[in-house]
Protein backbone atom coordinates (compact mmCIF):
# COMPACT_ATOMS: atom_id res chain seq x y z
CA UNK A 1 82.95 87.50 84.77
CA UNK A 2 86.25 85.97 85.91
CA UNK A 3 87.56 86.55 89.40
CA UNK A 4 90.38 88.77 88.17
CA UNK A 5 87.89 91.23 86.65
CA UNK A 6 85.72 91.13 89.78
CA UNK A 7 88.81 91.75 91.87
CA UNK A 8 89.69 94.74 89.67
CA UNK A 9 86.21 96.19 90.23
CA UNK A 10 86.47 95.69 93.99
CA UNK A 11 89.93 97.27 94.01
CA UNK A 12 88.53 100.30 92.14
CA UNK A 13 85.63 100.67 94.55
CA UNK A 14 87.80 100.23 97.65
CA UNK A 15 90.46 102.65 96.43
CA UNK A 16 87.88 105.33 95.66
CA UNK A 17 86.19 104.77 99.02
CA UNK A 18 89.50 105.22 100.81
CA UNK A 19 90.20 108.34 98.76
CA UNK A 20 86.90 109.92 99.78
CA UNK A 21 87.38 109.03 103.44
CA UNK A 22 90.96 110.36 103.46
CA UNK A 23 89.91 113.55 101.70
CA UNK A 24 87.18 114.20 104.26
CA UNK A 25 89.49 113.40 107.18
CA UNK A 26 92.31 115.61 105.90
CA UNK A 27 89.84 118.37 105.09
CA UNK A 28 88.48 118.24 108.62
CA UNK A 29 91.93 118.29 110.23
CA UNK A 30 93.97 120.49 107.87
CA UNK A 31 91.53 122.45 105.75
CA UNK A 32 90.29 122.58 102.20
CA UNK A 33 93.65 123.14 100.51
CA UNK A 34 95.17 120.02 102.04
CA UNK A 35 92.04 118.05 101.18
CA UNK A 36 92.34 119.17 97.58
CA UNK A 37 95.96 118.03 97.49
CA UNK A 38 94.96 114.61 98.80
CA UNK A 39 92.10 114.29 96.34
CA UNK A 40 94.36 115.46 93.50
CA UNK A 41 96.43 112.31 93.82
CA UNK A 42 93.26 110.28 93.23
CA UNK A 43 91.95 111.98 90.08
CA UNK A 44 92.61 109.01 87.82
CA UNK A 45 91.01 106.86 90.50
CA UNK A 46 87.76 108.75 89.92
CA UNK A 47 87.83 107.90 86.23
CA UNK A 48 88.76 104.29 87.02
CA UNK A 49 85.87 104.12 89.48
CA UNK A 50 83.42 105.17 86.75
CA UNK A 51 84.99 102.77 84.24
CA UNK A 52 84.62 99.86 86.66
CA UNK A 53 80.87 100.02 86.10
CA UNK A 54 81.47 99.29 82.39
CA UNK A 55 83.55 96.15 82.85
CA UNK A 56 80.60 93.80 82.44
CA UNK A 57 79.61 95.13 79.02
CA UNK A 58 82.60 96.97 77.54
CA UNK A 59 85.19 95.66 75.13
CA UNK A 60 88.95 95.39 75.33
CA UNK A 61 89.26 99.19 75.09
CA UNK A 62 88.07 99.52 78.69
CA UNK A 63 90.73 97.10 79.94
CA UNK A 64 93.51 98.89 78.04
CA UNK A 65 92.25 102.32 79.12
CA UNK A 66 92.06 101.19 82.73
CA UNK A 67 95.64 99.91 82.64
CA UNK A 68 96.90 103.18 81.12
CA UNK A 69 94.97 105.27 83.66
CA UNK A 70 96.31 103.09 86.48
CA UNK A 71 99.85 103.82 85.24
CA UNK A 72 99.08 107.54 85.35
CA UNK A 73 97.60 107.04 88.82
CA UNK A 74 100.89 105.49 89.94
CA UNK A 75 102.81 108.55 88.73
CA UNK A 76 100.40 110.90 90.50
CA UNK A 77 100.61 108.88 93.72
CA UNK A 78 104.41 108.84 93.59
CA UNK A 79 104.47 112.59 93.08
CA UNK A 80 102.13 113.11 96.02
CA UNK A 81 104.21 110.83 98.23
CA UNK A 82 107.49 112.44 97.14
CA UNK A 83 106.33 115.98 97.83
CA UNK A 84 104.59 115.00 101.05
CA UNK A 85 101.36 116.72 100.05
CA UNK A 86 99.28 113.56 100.00
CA UNK A 87 99.59 111.26 102.99
CA UNK A 88 97.26 108.71 101.39
CA UNK A 89 99.24 108.38 98.18
CA UNK A 90 100.39 104.91 99.17
CA UNK A 91 96.80 103.63 98.94
CA UNK A 92 96.45 105.01 95.43
CA UNK A 93 99.79 103.45 94.50
CA UNK A 94 98.92 100.01 95.86
CA UNK A 95 95.44 100.12 94.33
CA UNK A 96 96.78 101.06 90.90
CA UNK A 97 99.45 98.35 91.02
CA UNK A 98 96.87 95.74 92.02
CA UNK A 99 94.57 96.94 89.25
CA UNK A 100 97.32 96.55 86.65
CA UNK A 101 98.13 93.06 87.88
CA UNK A 102 94.51 91.88 87.87
CA UNK A 103 93.62 93.36 84.48
CA UNK A 104 96.81 92.03 82.88
CA UNK A 105 95.95 88.43 83.66
CA UNK A 106 95.09 86.06 80.85
CA UNK A 107 91.55 85.44 82.11
CA UNK A 108 90.81 89.18 82.16
CA UNK A 109 92.10 89.55 78.61
CA UNK A 110 89.91 86.67 77.47
CA UNK A 111 86.88 88.23 79.17
CA UNK A 112 87.28 91.60 77.48
CA UNK A 113 88.09 90.05 74.08
CA UNK A 114 85.11 87.67 74.06
CA UNK A 115 82.68 87.86 71.13
CA UNK A 116 79.75 90.18 71.68
CA UNK A 117 76.16 89.48 70.71
CA UNK A 118 74.92 91.85 68.03
């Protein structure tokens, strides 16, 4: 597995970890409704977190799907930051941008397009 794909997995795990910590912290300070708003900006991050476990054995579809979901995550993070409902939206934005950059590299494309043993 090339370093760009490993970096993408680490970015997914770190972003989801931050999302959970921020959700708990905001829930403790401001209540359940505010915690739900914070977690709402990280919904695509949850799906990306699950998909990161498939990177070692999945085909190019997982790379393309991850890039598309990261783009949606950027839109959700920008909406949360613009409305002020999600103070941690910047972490989701940075994580999604870094994920797009790492999965768009040539080495990541070659990894996901490699021939598979039948």
